[in-house]
Amino acid sequence: MTSRTSKPSLMSALSLALPPTVINTGRTLKVGFLGPLSGKLKSWAEPGYHGCLIWKDWVNEKGGIRVGNRRYKIDIVVYDTEFKSDKALAGARELLIGHGVEMLLMLGGNDFSRPLRDFINQRKALVTTLLPSDLTPDARTLIAPSEVHPIYNVTGVEWLVRDDPSLKTVAMCTQNDEHGLPSIATYRAAFEAAGLKLVDEHLFPIETSDFSQIIGRLLEKDPDVLCWDTAYEPFVHAMTVEAYKRGFKGRLLSCTCDNYRSLIEKTSPQFMENFVFQFPDFDDPRLDDPRINFDNPKRFFDEFCRRYPGEWSAVSWEYAAILEMWKTAVERARTVDPLSVLAMMKMGGKGHHVFGWATWWGRELFGVDNALVGEWPVVTIRDGRARIVDFLDPRDWWAANSHILIKHMRVLDLMWDQREEVIASSAGHPDFLR
């Protein structure tokens, strides 16, 4: 006689043996891109948006993103902030409420105001920034999973003095804003730890276009190294050309050197040789290393250069890398709920950074462990090409020198608790959470 339980048991066994049915919903999941697509910071947003479009096309070609047993196509909805805080707040409202995006990708800095932070907290929205100095314990869903600016800049200094121990002095300048100042503090600390004497430093207004007097003043101190800090592409080009015209013979150091081939044409291959910065071309042979967590970087680089010739920059891959992390977390969490996805991304306190395994880090510096920090490349120009010369870990530098960086951050009122004191006075902003 057949047991009454045999049939359900058989069905249960069959259900385990058969793969679940995946339903193509025909619907779209949206991600918001909130950044300055015009103005001086366009070069740090538009190439990143273009990288997102390549990632989107490749994901959709493979059927989209799987959430549980359902599959969705991806769309990227963009909003130009013009690097203005009021525009960023309006854009966040439009993208999160009007378009229902599942996550916001941001450059950060001036775009990330106190009103925007409070709006994001109210919505419990998952938001990413390329500027970890935006991070605060009062914004738990704001994360920096791709770029750890400016902490990785210490690795460029560390490698430079190791490459040439004869270097003794450095002069530095950059724009006076949310990107320049944290980087100034970090380079000051890195120079101090490396035994380099900072002989001159200049912060210039973002409206500056003539650098002849600025560079002339720096060169009067006869530095061994000129450092452009985290200056924007137009500034890096203008300052480098001016240093070339004035006959500078030392080493050049910068966070970025976007469109460096144009700079070689404006100066000379000899002048640009050994320029040290932090962002590689993605056809670099060292990105073939198994620890690299970016799918086929050379193919991505080639496709980007084919679609957008001459536009490859430091940010071309960063937003796409964030999207891939988000996709992986969504598929593992089986939901697009922002808090669940964030928990999945941070599970175990570690994650797959582009350049290897990394740690969710930052409590001492940012007040919250929401920056994914791991090894970062040091890049130099060799024979006309940007090439990775080493991978160094800023966490190792921090372990020995954290007190130096904290000291310099506090001098500029940049520690998270100091920034909170400054913005607390604006808590009565009339446009909050409207």
Protein backbone atom coordinates (compact mmCIF):
# COMPACT_ATOMS: atom_id res chain seq x y z
CA MET A 1 0.00 0.00 0.00
CA THR A 2 1.29 3.41 -0.93
CA SER A 3 1.97 5.77 1.96
CA ARG A 4 0.13 9.05 1.96
CA THR A 5 3.49 10.78 2.47
CA SER A 6 5.24 9.19 -0.49
CA LYS A 7 3.82 11.50 -3.11
CA PRO A 8 4.73 14.79 -1.35
CA SER A 9 8.17 13.36 -0.62
CA LEU A 10 8.62 12.51 -4.28
CA MET A 11 7.48 15.99 -5.31
CA SER A 12 9.88 17.53 -2.82
CA ALA A 13 12.73 15.48 -4.23
CA LEU A 14 11.82 16.50 -7.75
CA SER A 15 11.62 20.15 -6.79
CA LEU A 16 15.13 19.96 -5.40
CA ALA A 17 16.44 18.19 -8.47
CA LEU A 18 14.90 20.53 -11.03
CA PRO A 19 16.42 23.98 -11.56
CA PRO A 20 14.12 26.85 -10.61
CA THR A 21 12.34 28.60 -13.41
CA VAL A 22 13.77 32.03 -14.15
CA ILE A 23 11.18 34.46 -15.45
CA ASN A 24 12.19 37.27 -17.76
CA THR A 25 9.93 40.00 -16.46
CA GLY A 26 10.36 42.42 -19.36
CA ARG A 27 10.74 45.11 -16.70
CA THR A 28 13.69 47.38 -15.92
CA LEU A 29 15.60 48.16 -12.75
CA LYS A 30 16.93 51.70 -12.69
CA VAL A 31 20.14 53.08 -11.20
CA GLY A 32 20.62 56.84 -10.84
CA PHE A 33 23.78 58.68 -11.93
CA LEU A 34 23.94 62.00 -10.08
CA GLY A 35 27.01 64.01 -11.07
CA PRO A 36 28.46 67.10 -12.75
CA LEU A 37 28.13 66.47 -16.48
CA SER A 38 28.98 70.08 -17.29
CA GLY A 39 31.49 72.60 -15.98
CA LYS A 40 35.04 72.10 -14.68
CA LEU A 41 34.29 68.73 -13.07
CA LYS A 42 32.76 67.21 -16.21
CA SER A 43 35.94 65.17 -16.75
CA TRP A 44 35.35 63.42 -13.40
CA ALA A 45 31.75 62.48 -14.14
CA GLU A 46 31.00 62.09 -17.85
CA PRO A 47 33.62 59.36 -18.52
CA GLY A 48 32.24 57.48 -15.52
CA TYR A 49 28.71 57.74 -16.91
CA HIS A 50 29.96 56.43 -20.25
CA GLY A 51 31.56 53.50 -18.43
CA CYS A 52 28.18 52.79 -16.85
CA LEU A 53 26.58 52.63 -20.29
CA ILE A 54 29.08 50.00 -21.42
CA TRP A 55 28.44 47.95 -18.25
CA LYS A 56 24.67 48.27 -18.77
CA ASP A 57 24.88 47.09 -22.38
CA TRP A 58 27.01 44.10 -21.46
CA VAL A 59 24.74 43.07 -18.59
CA ASN A 60 21.60 43.41 -20.71
CA GLU A 61 23.19 41.43 -23.54
CA LYS A 62 23.52 38.55 -21.06
CA GLY A 63 19.86 38.82 -20.05
CA GLY A 64 20.05 41.42 -17.31
CA ILE A 65 20.22 41.04 -13.55
CA ARG A 66 18.66 38.13 -11.67
CA VAL A 67 16.66 38.90 -8.52
CA GLY A 68 15.48 35.63 -7.06
CA ASN A 69 13.76 33.77 -9.89
CA ARG A 70 13.12 36.88 -11.94
CA ARG A 71 15.35 38.63 -14.40
CA TYR A 72 15.36 42.36 -15.16
CA LYS A 73 17.09 44.60 -17.65
CA ILE A 74 19.09 47.56 -16.34
CA ASP A 75 18.73 51.24 -17.15
CA ILE A 76 20.92 54.17 -16.05
CA VAL A 77 19.05 57.42 -15.39
CA VAL A 78 21.29 60.49 -15.36
CA TYR A 79 21.00 63.96 -13.78
CA ASP A 80 23.52 66.78 -14.23
CA THR A 81 24.26 68.50 -10.90
CA GLU A 82 26.67 71.06 -12.41
CA PHE A 83 28.53 70.46 -9.08
CA LYS A 84 25.95 72.60 -7.29
CA SER A 85 24.46 71.38 -4.03
CA ASP A 86 20.95 72.64 -4.76
CA LYS A 87 20.97 70.87 -8.13
CA ALA A 88 22.21 67.68 -6.50
CA LEU A 89 19.35 67.76 -3.98
CA ALA A 90 16.80 68.37 -6.75
CA GLY A 91 18.37 65.58 -8.80
CA ALA A 92 18.27 63.11 -5.91
CA ARG A 93 14.57 63.81 -5.43
CA GLU A 94 13.85 63.39 -9.12
CA LEU A 95 15.83 60.15 -9.41
CA LEU A 96 14.66 58.51 -6.17
CA ILE A 97 11.04 59.64 -6.18
CA GLY A 98 10.31 60.41 -9.81
CA HIS A 99 12.21 57.53 -11.39
CA GLY A 100 12.34 55.08 -8.50
CA VAL A 101 16.03 54.25 -8.89
CA GLU A 102 17.43 51.48 -6.72
CA MET A 103 20.78 53.16 -6.03
CA LEU A 104 22.45 56.55 -6.57
CA LEU A 105 25.96 56.85 -7.97
CA MET A 106 27.61 60.14 -7.01
CA LEU A 107 30.96 61.88 -7.39
CA GLY A 108 30.45 63.52 -4.00
CA GLY A 109 32.06 66.61 -2.57
CA ASN A 110 30.11 69.81 -3.12
CA ASP A 111 27.17 67.76 -4.39
CA PHE A 112 26.74 66.01 -1.03
CA SER A 113 25.18 68.67 1.21
CA ARG A 114 23.53 68.32 4.62
CA PRO A 115 20.03 68.63 3.11
CA LEU A 116 20.87 65.88 0.62
CA ARG A 117 22.22 63.68 3.39
CA ASP A 118 19.04 64.09 5.42
CA PHE A 119 16.88 63.35 2.39
CA ILE A 120 18.86 60.17 1.72
CA ASN A 121 18.49 59.13 5.36
CA GLN A 122 14.74 59.69 5.16
CA ARG A 123 14.52 57.53 2.03
CA LYS A 124 17.00 54.92 3.36
CA ALA A 125 18.57 55.11 -0.08
CA LEU A 126 21.78 53.33 -1.02
CA VAL A 127 24.21 55.99 -2.28
CA THR A 128 27.85 55.73 -3.35
CA THR A 129 30.53 58.41 -3.44
CA LEU A 130 34.01 58.65 -4.91
CA LEU A 131 35.01 60.98 -2.08
CA PRO A 132 35.18 59.09 1.24
CA SER A 133 35.61 62.37 3.11
CA ASP A 134 31.83 62.65 2.55
CA LEU A 135 31.38 59.68 4.88
CA THR A 136 29.90 60.21 8.32
CA PRO A 137 28.22 57.98 10.91
CA ASP A 138 25.10 60.10 10.32
CA ALA A 139 24.82 58.69 6.77
CA ARG A 140 24.81 54.93 7.22
CA THR A 141 23.71 54.14 3.66
CA LEU A 142 26.42 56.29 2.05
CA ILE A 143 29.38 54.13 1.02
CA ALA A 144 32.67 54.45 -0.89
CA PRO A 145 33.10 50.98 -2.42
CA SER A 146 35.38 51.85 -5.35
CA GLU A 147 37.65 54.83 -4.75
CA VAL A 148 39.27 55.61 -1.40
CA HIS A 149 40.42 59.13 -2.14
CA PRO A 150 42.58 60.56 -0.71
CA ILE A 151 44.05 57.80 1.50
CA TYR A 152 45.57 55.90 -1.46
CA ASN A 153 47.70 58.96 -2.36
CA VAL A 154 50.15 57.97 0.36
CA THR A 155 51.20 55.00 -1.81
CA GLY A 156 52.41 57.27 -4.62
CA VAL A 157 54.64 59.19 -2.22
CA GLU A 158 55.88 55.98 -0.61
CA TRP A 159 56.86 54.53 -3.99
CA LEU A 160 58.40 57.78 -5.26
CA VAL A 161 60.92 58.12 -2.41
CA ARG A 162 61.73 54.44 -2.67
CA ASP A 163 62.36 54.85 -6.40
CA ASP A 164 64.59 57.88 -5.86
CA PRO A 165 65.95 58.26 -2.29
CA SER A 166 67.82 61.43 -3.31
CA LEU A 167 64.57 63.43 -3.38
CA LYS A 168 64.41 65.87 -0.46
CA THR A 169 61.97 68.72 -1.20
CA VAL A 170 58.50 69.15 -2.67
CA ALA A 171 56.20 72.03 -3.62
CA MET A 172 52.45 71.50 -4.01
CA CYS A 173 49.35 73.28 -5.28
CA THR A 174 45.72 72.52 -6.11
CA GLN A 175 42.26 74.05 -6.17
CA ASN A 176 40.71 75.09 -2.86
CA ASP A 177 37.67 72.82 -2.62
CA GLU A 178 36.28 69.55 -1.22
CA HIS A 179 38.61 67.47 -3.40
CA GLY A 180 41.75 69.55 -2.97
CA LEU A 181 41.71 70.04 0.80
CA PRO A 182 41.50 66.42 2.05
CA SER A 183 44.17 65.55 -0.47
CA ILE A 184 46.37 68.42 0.77
CA ALA A 185 46.17 66.98 4.29
CA THR A 186 46.99 63.49 3.02
CA TYR A 187 49.98 64.57 0.95
CA ARG A 188 51.29 66.67 3.85
CA ALA A 189 51.15 63.58 6.05
CA ALA A 190 52.72 61.36 3.38
CA PHE A 191 55.57 63.82 2.81
CA GLU A 192 56.21 64.06 6.55
CA ALA A 193 56.26 60.28 6.95
CA ALA A 194 58.59 59.93 3.94
CA GLY A 195 61.00 62.64 5.11
CA LEU A 196 60.23 65.04 2.23
CA LYS A 197 60.30 68.71 3.16
CA LEU A 198 57.32 70.72 1.89
CA VAL A 199 58.97 73.98 0.82
CA ASP A 200 55.88 75.67 -0.64
CA GLU A 201 52.15 75.13 -0.99
CA HIS A 202 49.47 77.06 -2.82
CA LEU A 203 45.68 76.73 -2.88
CA PHE A 204 44.06 78.54 -5.78
CA PRO A 205 40.41 79.43 -6.52
CA ILE A 206 38.56 77.05 -8.81
CA GLU A 207 38.06 79.94 -11.26
CA THR A 208 41.86 80.19 -11.88
CA SER A 209 43.00 79.96 -15.50
CA ASP A 210 46.46 81.59 -15.51
CA PHE A 211 49.10 79.57 -13.66
CA SER A 212 52.24 81.44 -14.66
CA GLN A 213 52.69 83.27 -11.37
CA ILE A 214 51.69 80.26 -9.25
CA ILE A 215 54.17 77.90 -10.88
CA GLY A 216 56.83 80.63 -10.96
CA ARG A 217 56.49 81.04 -7.22
CA LEU A 218 56.73 77.31 -6.57
CA LEU A 219 59.84 76.98 -8.73
CA GLU A 220 61.56 79.81 -6.86
CA LYS A 221 61.95 77.30 -4.00
CA ASP A 222 63.82 74.89 -6.33
CA PRO A 223 61.85 71.76 -5.32
CA ASP A 224 62.91 68.26 -6.30
CA VAL A 225 59.23 67.32 -6.76
CA LEU A 226 56.17 69.23 -7.97
CA CYS A 227 52.89 67.80 -6.66
CA TRP A 228 49.51 68.66 -8.21
CA ASP A 229 47.58 67.06 -5.35
CA THR A 230 44.08 66.14 -6.62
CA ALA A 231 43.76 68.94 -9.15
CA TYR A 232 41.23 68.56 -11.95
CA GLU A 233 42.34 67.66 -15.47
CA PRO A 234 42.37 71.24 -16.86
CA PHE A 235 44.50 72.37 -13.91
CA VAL A 236 46.91 69.41 -14.12
CA HIS A 237 47.46 70.15 -17.81
CA ALA A 238 47.91 73.89 -17.36
CA MET A 239 50.32 73.52 -14.42
CA THR A 240 52.35 70.78 -16.10
CA VAL A 241 52.73 72.80 -19.31
CA GLU A 242 53.78 75.86 -17.31
CA ALA A 243 56.40 73.85 -15.40
CA TYR A 244 57.71 72.51 -18.71
CA LYS A 245 57.95 76.00 -20.20
CA ARG A 246 59.91 77.16 -17.16
CA GLY A 247 62.43 74.36 -17.49
CA PHE A 248 61.57 72.24 -14.45
CA LYS A 249 63.83 69.16 -14.31
CA GLY A 250 62.53 67.32 -11.25
CA ARG A 251 59.83 64.70 -10.65
CA LEU A 252 56.10 65.22 -11.11
CA LEU A 253 53.52 63.72 -8.75
CA SER A 254 49.71 63.88 -8.91
CA CYS A 255 46.64 61.93 -7.90
CA THR A 256 45.51 61.78 -11.53
CA CYS A 257 46.96 62.46 -14.96
CA ASP A 258 43.99 62.08 -17.28
CA ASN A 259 44.59 62.41 -21.02
CA TYR A 260 48.33 62.19 -20.40
CA ARG A 261 49.04 61.58 -24.08
CA SER A 262 47.85 65.11 -24.83
CA LEU A 263 50.26 66.36 -22.16
CA ILE A 264 53.12 64.47 -23.79
CA GLU A 265 52.30 66.26 -27.04
CA LYS A 266 52.18 69.63 -25.27
CA THR A 267 55.49 69.05 -23.47
CA SER A 268 57.84 66.20 -24.43
CA PRO A 269 58.19 62.45 -23.82
CA GLN A 270 61.32 63.10 -21.75
CA PHE A 271 59.56 65.65 -19.52
CA MET A 272 56.61 63.33 -18.83
CA GLU A 273 58.74 60.21 -18.26
CA ASN A 274 58.27 58.86 -14.71
CA PHE A 275 55.33 61.16 -13.90
CA VAL A 276 53.80 59.39 -10.87
CA PHE A 277 50.03 59.11 -10.36
CA GLN A 278 47.43 56.58 -9.21
CA PHE A 279 45.20 55.50 -12.12
CA PRO A 280 46.18 52.98 -14.83
CA ASP A 281 44.98 52.39 -18.32
CA PHE A 282 42.97 49.18 -18.21
CA ASP A 283 45.01 47.48 -20.91
CA ASP A 284 47.89 47.35 -18.42
CA PRO A 285 49.43 43.84 -18.37
CA ARG A 286 49.47 43.83 -14.56
CA LEU A 287 45.68 43.87 -14.53
CA ASP A 288 45.80 40.29 -15.82
CA ASP A 289 46.70 39.27 -12.25
CA PRO A 290 44.15 36.76 -10.84
CA ARG A 291 43.49 39.01 -7.83
CA ILE A 292 41.98 41.71 -10.06
CA ASN A 293 38.21 41.81 -9.59
CA PHE A 294 37.19 43.53 -12.81
CA ASP A 295 35.90 41.33 -15.61
CA ASN A 296 38.18 41.55 -18.66
CA PRO A 297 39.65 45.03 -18.05
CA LYS A 298 41.37 45.18 -21.45
CA ARG A 299 38.12 44.47 -23.28
CA PHE A 300 36.42 47.22 -21.26
CA PHE A 301 39.28 49.64 -22.00
CA ASP A 302 39.22 48.85 -25.72
CA GLU A 303 35.44 49.23 -25.91
CA PHE A 304 35.55 52.51 -24.00
CA CYS A 305 38.25 53.93 -26.27
CA ARG A 306 36.31 52.79 -29.35
CA ARG A 307 33.07 54.43 -28.22
CA TYR A 308 34.57 57.52 -26.57
CA PRO A 309 38.00 58.16 -28.10
CA GLY A 310 40.26 60.38 -26.03
CA GLU A 311 37.96 60.34 -22.97
CA TRP A 312 39.51 57.58 -20.82
CA SER A 313 40.07 58.99 -17.34
CA ALA A 314 40.50 58.07 -13.69
CA VAL A 315 36.74 57.58 -13.30
CA SER A 316 35.97 55.72 -16.54
CA TRP A 317 35.85 52.36 -14.75
CA GLU A 318 34.96 53.33 -11.18
CA TYR A 319 31.19 53.66 -11.41
CA ALA A 320 31.01 50.51 -13.54
CA ALA A 321 32.96 48.68 -10.84
CA ILE A 322 30.45 49.86 -8.24
CA LEU A 323 27.58 48.66 -10.42
CA GLU A 324 29.14 45.21 -10.66
CA MET A 325 29.50 45.05 -6.85
CA TRP A 326 25.87 46.10 -6.51
CA LYS A 327 24.72 43.50 -9.06
CA THR A 328 26.57 40.74 -7.22
CA ALA A 329 25.05 41.79 -3.89
CA VAL A 330 21.53 42.01 -5.37
CA GLU A 331 21.76 38.54 -6.87
CA ARG A 332 23.06 37.08 -3.61
CA ALA A 333 20.51 38.90 -1.46
CA ARG A 334 17.70 38.04 -3.94
CA THR A 335 16.29 41.54 -3.48
CA VAL A 336 16.96 45.16 -4.45
CA ASP A 337 16.01 46.42 -0.99
CA PRO A 338 18.82 48.92 -0.25
CA LEU A 339 19.43 47.88 3.36
CA SER A 340 19.55 44.19 2.45
CA VAL A 341 21.90 44.87 -0.46
CA LEU A 342 24.14 47.01 1.73
CA ALA A 343 24.27 44.27 4.37
CA MET A 344 25.23 41.75 1.71
CA MET A 345 27.95 44.04 0.33
CA LYS A 346 29.47 44.46 3.80
CA MET A 347 29.01 40.90 5.03
CA GLY A 348 32.04 39.77 7.03
CA GLY A 349 33.65 43.20 6.87
CA LYS A 350 35.45 42.37 3.62
CA GLY A 351 34.72 42.63 -0.07
CA HIS A 352 36.04 42.31 -3.60
CA HIS A 353 37.72 45.61 -4.43
CA VAL A 354 38.79 46.09 -8.06
CA PHE A 355 42.44 45.49 -7.18
CA GLY A 356 41.95 42.58 -4.78
CA TRP A 357 40.41 41.70 -1.44
CA ALA A 358 39.70 44.74 0.70
CA THR A 359 38.35 45.71 4.10
CA TRP A 360 35.38 47.87 5.00
CA TRP A 361 37.36 50.53 6.82
CA GLY A 362 37.39 54.14 7.97
CA ARG A 363 35.97 54.41 11.49
CA GLU A 364 38.95 56.34 12.84
CA LEU A 365 39.14 58.68 9.86
CA PHE A 366 35.54 58.97 8.67
CA GLY A 367 33.58 57.88 11.73
CA VAL A 368 32.18 54.80 10.00
CA ASP A 369 33.57 51.70 8.26
CA ASN A 370 31.95 52.50 4.91
CA ALA A 371 35.04 52.74 2.69
CA LEU A 372 36.28 49.58 0.98
CA VAL A 373 40.06 49.86 1.26
CA GLY A 374 42.68 47.55 -0.21
CA GLU A 375 45.78 47.64 -2.37
CA TRP A 376 45.97 50.44 -4.92
CA PRO A 377 48.18 50.81 -8.00
CA VAL A 378 51.08 53.22 -8.33
CA VAL A 379 51.38 54.31 -11.96
CA THR A 380 54.18 55.99 -13.88
CA ILE A 381 54.60 57.02 -17.49
CA ARG A 382 57.12 54.77 -19.19
CA ASP A 383 57.96 55.23 -22.87
CA GLY A 384 54.79 57.23 -23.44
CA ARG A 385 52.40 54.82 -21.67
CA ALA A 386 50.88 54.78 -18.20
CA ARG A 387 52.08 51.60 -16.53
CA ILE A 388 51.53 50.10 -13.08
CA VAL A 389 54.84 49.80 -11.23
CA ASP A 390 53.50 48.45 -7.94
CA PHE A 391 50.45 47.70 -5.82
CA LEU A 392 50.74 49.14 -2.31
CA ASP A 393 48.32 48.97 0.59
CA PRO A 394 47.38 52.24 2.33
CA ARG A 395 46.33 50.22 5.37
CA ASP A 396 49.99 49.34 5.95
CA TRP A 397 50.92 53.03 5.82
CA TRP A 398 48.02 53.86 8.14
CA ALA A 399 49.13 51.29 10.70
CA ALA A 400 52.43 53.13 11.10
CA ASN A 401 51.39 56.74 10.42
CA SER A 402 47.72 57.25 11.29
CA HIS A 403 48.59 59.85 13.93
CA ILE A 404 50.31 62.00 11.29
CA LEU A 405 47.33 62.00 8.92
CA ILE A 406 44.84 62.68 11.72
CA LYS A 407 46.98 65.62 12.83
CA HIS A 408 46.96 67.18 9.36
CA MET A 409 43.26 66.49 8.85
CA ARG A 410 42.47 68.25 12.13
CA VAL A 411 44.58 71.28 11.18
CA LEU A 412 42.22 71.78 8.21
CA ASP A 413 39.05 70.91 10.19
CA LEU A 414 38.47 67.87 7.98
CA MET A 415 37.90 65.09 10.50
CA TRP A 416 34.34 63.79 10.46
CA ASP A 417 33.49 65.19 13.89
CA GLN A 418 34.83 68.63 12.91
CA ARG A 419 32.80 68.60 9.71
CA GLU A 420 29.69 67.68 11.68
CA GLU A 421 30.21 70.70 13.93
CA VAL A 422 30.44 72.97 10.89
CA ILE A 423 27.31 71.70 9.18
CA ALA A 424 25.26 71.47 12.39
CA SER A 425 24.74 75.22 12.23
CA SER A 426 22.80 74.73 8.97
CA ALA A 427 20.40 72.19 10.49
CA GLY A 428 17.56 74.66 10.17
CA HIS A 429 17.87 74.75 6.40
CA PRO A 430 14.36 75.65 5.16
CA ASP A 431 14.50 73.18 2.29
CA PHE A 432 15.08 70.09 4.43
CA LEU A 433 13.14 67.01 3.39
CA ARG A 434 10.52 68.93 1.47
